[in-house]
Amino acid sequence: MIPVFALCLLAACSARKEATRPLTPGVEVVQCTLASNREFVGVLFRTTGPERYDPERMEAYLIDEATGEKYPVVRLQRIGRIAEFTTPGEKGVHHVMFRNREGKLKVGSYVTVVIGPGRQERVLIGE
């Protein structure tokens, strides 16, 4: 009888899957690189927290930490936000392309990545 009680007590005290997810929204940048002759900045990322990534609802942009200038997601006039997609074979990893106006962002620049309510600061742009 006591082992059954102990087993029930352990099961009641163990964390549930929902309880282990972070409660605050955030962004975990996997990779940040220049693309297409330095005209764009590509960012691979995961979102953390209770909200799922929804490119139609969430605003996404980069902030150059040296100047404070914002860089928007690439949008095509007829198609829309084609620059946002999930990465095949990687669960929960998304890819976004940002326009690098006039090539101002360089390899070695630091940016803040903002995706919806989440943000990650001091992200280094690589090659």
C-alpha atoms as a PDB file:
ATOM      1  CA  MET A   1       0.000   0.000   0.000  1.00  0.00           C
ATOM      2  CA  ILE A   2       2.806   2.439   0.867  1.00  0.00           C
ATOM      3  CA  PRO A   3       4.652   1.962  -2.492  1.00  0.00           C
ATOM      4  CA  VAL A   4       1.411   2.744  -4.381  1.00  0.00           C
ATOM      5  CA  PHE A   5       0.905   5.884  -2.268  1.00  0.00           C
ATOM      6  CA  ALA A   6       4.514   6.968  -2.880  1.00  0.00           C
ATOM      7  CA  LEU A   7       4.116   6.418  -6.631  1.00  0.00           C
ATOM      8  CA  CYS A   8       0.905   8.496  -6.710  1.00  0.00           C
ATOM      9  CA  LEU A   9       2.587  11.256  -4.706  1.00  0.00           C
ATOM     10  CA  LEU A  10       5.547  11.364  -7.122  1.00  0.00           C
ATOM     11  CA  ALA A  11       3.238  11.502 -10.131  1.00  0.00           C
ATOM     12  CA  ALA A  12       1.261  14.374  -8.597  1.00  0.00           C
ATOM     13  CA  CYS A  13       4.421  16.377  -7.845  1.00  0.00           C
ATOM     14  CA  SER A  14       6.156  15.887 -11.203  1.00  0.00           C
ATOM     15  CA  ALA A  15       6.170  18.802 -13.667  1.00  0.00           C
ATOM     16  CA  ARG A  16       3.738  18.618 -16.513  1.00  0.00           C
ATOM     17  CA  LYS A  17       4.862  19.316 -20.084  1.00  0.00           C
ATOM     18  CA  GLU A  18       2.989  22.644 -20.169  1.00  0.00           C
ATOM     19  CA  ALA A  19       4.622  23.792 -16.947  1.00  0.00           C
ATOM     20  CA  THR A  20       8.142  23.291 -18.308  1.00  0.00           C
ATOM     21  CA  ARG A  21       7.736  25.732 -21.221  1.00  0.00           C
ATOM     22  CA  PRO A  22       9.105  29.233 -20.575  1.00  0.00           C
ATOM     23  CA  LEU A  23       6.415  31.715 -19.591  1.00  0.00           C
ATOM     24  CA  THR A  24       8.067  34.793 -21.052  1.00  0.00           C
ATOM     25  CA  PRO A  25       8.174  35.220 -24.830  1.00  0.00           C
ATOM     26  CA  GLY A  26      11.619  35.262 -26.344  1.00  0.00           C
ATOM     27  CA  VAL A  27      13.748  34.616 -29.388  1.00  0.00           C
ATOM     28  CA  GLU A  28      16.698  32.255 -29.607  1.00  0.00           C
ATOM     29  CA  VAL A  29      18.821  33.158 -32.643  1.00  0.00           C
ATOM     30  CA  VAL A  30      20.495  30.117 -34.192  1.00  0.00           C
ATOM     31  CA  GLN A  31      22.300  31.946 -37.012  1.00  0.00           C
ATOM     32  CA  CYS A  32      22.541  35.503 -38.381  1.00  0.00           C
ATOM     33  CA  THR A  33      24.362  36.047 -41.700  1.00  0.00           C
ATOM     34  CA  LEU A  34      24.552  38.367 -44.679  1.00  0.00           C
ATOM     35  CA  ALA A  35      23.031  37.004 -47.896  1.00  0.00           C
ATOM     36  CA  SER A  36      22.721  37.804 -51.590  1.00  0.00           C
ATOM     37  CA  ASN A  37      25.674  40.138 -52.047  1.00  0.00           C
ATOM     38  CA  ARG A  38      25.036  41.714 -48.615  1.00  0.00           C
ATOM     39  CA  GLU A  39      21.625  43.051 -49.664  1.00  0.00           C
ATOM     40  CA  PHE A  40      19.860  40.969 -47.006  1.00  0.00           C
ATOM     41  CA  VAL A  41      20.404  39.642 -43.494  1.00  0.00           C
ATOM     42  CA  GLY A  42      19.159  36.077 -42.946  1.00  0.00           C
ATOM     43  CA  VAL A  43      18.190  35.027 -39.423  1.00  0.00           C
ATOM     44  CA  LEU A  44      17.470  31.459 -38.282  1.00  0.00           C
ATOM     45  CA  PHE A  45      15.642  31.444 -34.941  1.00  0.00           C
ATOM     46  CA  ARG A  46      13.360  29.647 -32.499  1.00  0.00           C
ATOM     47  CA  THR A  47      10.687  31.337 -30.441  1.00  0.00           C
ATOM     48  CA  THR A  48      10.323  30.536 -26.755  1.00  0.00           C
ATOM     49  CA  GLY A  49       7.358  30.985 -24.480  1.00  0.00           C
ATOM     50  CA  PRO A  50       3.686  30.150 -24.719  1.00  0.00           C
ATOM     51  CA  GLU A  51       3.027  31.903 -28.069  1.00  0.00           C
ATOM     52  CA  ARG A  52       3.786  30.123 -31.327  1.00  0.00           C
ATOM     53  CA  TYR A  53       5.457  32.012 -34.158  1.00  0.00           C
ATOM     54  CA  ASP A  54       2.854  33.400 -36.548  1.00  0.00           C
ATOM     55  CA  PRO A  55       4.375  35.505 -39.367  1.00  0.00           C
ATOM     56  CA  GLU A  56       0.999  37.015 -40.235  1.00  0.00           C
ATOM     57  CA  ARG A  57       0.403  38.391 -36.724  1.00  0.00           C
ATOM     58  CA  MET A  58       3.886  39.073 -35.378  1.00  0.00           C
ATOM     59  CA  GLU A  59       5.998  42.053 -36.316  1.00  0.00           C
ATOM     60  CA  ALA A  60       9.650  41.262 -37.076  1.00  0.00           C
ATOM     61  CA  TYR A  61      12.602  43.625 -37.510  1.00  0.00           C
ATOM     62  CA  LEU A  62      16.288  44.129 -36.725  1.00  0.00           C
ATOM     63  CA  ILE A  63      17.760  47.056 -34.822  1.00  0.00           C
ATOM     64  CA  ASP A  64      21.338  48.123 -35.548  1.00  0.00           C
ATOM     65  CA  GLU A  65      22.812  48.489 -32.065  1.00  0.00           C
ATOM     66  CA  ALA A  66      25.340  51.097 -33.236  1.00  0.00           C
ATOM     67  CA  THR A  67      22.796  53.482 -34.792  1.00  0.00           C
ATOM     68  CA  GLY A  68      19.364  52.382 -33.522  1.00  0.00           C
ATOM     69  CA  GLU A  69      18.105  52.088 -37.123  1.00  0.00           C
ATOM     70  CA  LYS A  70      15.351  49.500 -37.801  1.00  0.00           C
ATOM     71  CA  TYR A  71      15.527  47.011 -40.666  1.00  0.00           C
ATOM     72  CA  PRO A  72      12.214  45.479 -41.837  1.00  0.00           C
ATOM     73  CA  VAL A  73      11.357  42.025 -43.155  1.00  0.00           C
ATOM     74  CA  VAL A  74      11.656  41.719 -46.943  1.00  0.00           C
ATOM     75  CA  ARG A  75       8.226  42.004 -48.545  1.00  0.00           C
ATOM     76  CA  LEU A  76       7.384  41.424 -52.181  1.00  0.00           C
ATOM     77  CA  GLN A  77       4.556  43.563 -53.542  1.00  0.00           C
ATOM     78  CA  ARG A  78       2.516  40.778 -55.129  1.00  0.00           C
ATOM     79  CA  ILE A  79       3.390  37.900 -52.815  1.00  0.00           C
ATOM     80  CA  GLY A  80       3.834  39.500 -49.393  1.00  0.00           C
ATOM     81  CA  ARG A  81       6.054  38.207 -46.634  1.00  0.00           C
ATOM     82  CA  ILE A  82       7.765  35.501 -48.669  1.00  0.00           C
ATOM     83  CA  ALA A  83      10.943  35.961 -46.680  1.00  0.00           C
ATOM     84  CA  GLU A  84       9.500  34.141 -43.658  1.00  0.00           C
ATOM     85  CA  PHE A  85       9.426  30.339 -43.646  1.00  0.00           C
ATOM     86  CA  THR A  86      10.138  27.312 -41.512  1.00  0.00           C
ATOM     87  CA  THR A  87      13.374  25.398 -42.003  1.00  0.00           C
ATOM     88  CA  PRO A  88      12.793  21.898 -43.440  1.00  0.00           C
ATOM     89  CA  GLY A  89      13.941  19.109 -41.140  1.00  0.00           C
ATOM     90  CA  GLU A  90      14.299  21.426 -38.129  1.00  0.00           C
ATOM     91  CA  LYS A  91      11.345  21.446 -35.781  1.00  0.00           C
ATOM     92  CA  GLY A  92      10.537  24.947 -34.558  1.00  0.00           C
ATOM     93  CA  VAL A  93      13.333  26.684 -36.508  1.00  0.00           C
ATOM     94  CA  HIS A  94      12.189  29.577 -38.698  1.00  0.00           C
ATOM     95  CA  HIS A  95      14.018  31.742 -41.220  1.00  0.00           C
ATOM     96  CA  VAL A  96      13.473  35.437 -41.881  1.00  0.00           C
ATOM     97  CA  MET A  97      15.179  37.731 -44.393  1.00  0.00           C
ATOM     98  CA  PHE A  98      15.625  41.408 -43.551  1.00  0.00           C
ATOM     99  CA  ARG A  99      16.492  44.119 -46.063  1.00  0.00           C
ATOM    100  CA  ASN A 100      19.994  45.543 -45.488  1.00  0.00           C
ATOM    101  CA  ARG A 101      19.388  49.038 -46.844  1.00  0.00           C
ATOM    102  CA  GLU A 102      22.433  50.452 -48.604  1.00  0.00           C
ATOM    103  CA  GLY A 103      24.547  47.617 -47.154  1.00  0.00           C
ATOM    104  CA  LYS A 104      24.882  49.446 -43.829  1.00  0.00           C
ATOM    105  CA  LEU A 105      25.047  46.255 -41.770  1.00  0.00           C
ATOM    106  CA  LYS A 106      28.397  44.497 -42.115  1.00  0.00           C
ATOM    107  CA  VAL A 107      29.946  41.257 -40.908  1.00  0.00           C
ATOM    108  CA  GLY A 108      30.796  41.896 -37.249  1.00  0.00           C
ATOM    109  CA  SER A 109      27.878  44.315 -36.649  1.00  0.00           C
ATOM    110  CA  TYR A 110      25.688  43.713 -33.607  1.00  0.00           C
ATOM    111  CA  VAL A 111      21.907  43.746 -33.971  1.00  0.00           C
ATOM    112  CA  THR A 112      18.863  43.175 -31.809  1.00  0.00           C
ATOM    113  CA  VAL A 113      16.418  40.674 -33.328  1.00  0.00           C
ATOM    114  CA  VAL A 114      12.762  41.426 -32.545  1.00  0.00           C
ATOM    115  CA  ILE A 115      10.121  38.801 -33.365  1.00  0.00           C
ATOM    116  CA  GLY A 116       6.691  39.616 -31.969  1.00  0.00           C
ATOM    117  CA  PRO A 117       6.986  40.172 -28.221  1.00  0.00           C
ATOM    118  CA  GLY A 118      10.383  38.437 -28.026  1.00  0.00           C
ATOM    119  CA  ARG A 119      13.802  39.943 -28.608  1.00  0.00           C
ATOM    120  CA  GLN A 120      17.448  38.921 -28.453  1.00  0.00           C
ATOM    121  CA  GLU A 121      20.123  41.578 -28.127  1.00  0.00           C
ATOM    122  CA  ARG A 122      23.812  41.542 -29.082  1.00  0.00           C
ATOM    123  CA  VAL A 123      23.463  39.169 -32.040  1.00  0.00           C
ATOM    124  CA  LEU A 124      26.644  39.167 -34.131  1.00  0.00           C
ATOM    125  CA  ILE A 125      26.252  39.150 -37.920  1.00  0.00           C
ATOM    126  CA  GLY A 126      28.474  36.498 -39.478  1.00  0.00           C
ATOM    127  CA  GLU A 127      29.388  35.580 -43.040  1.00  0.00           C
END
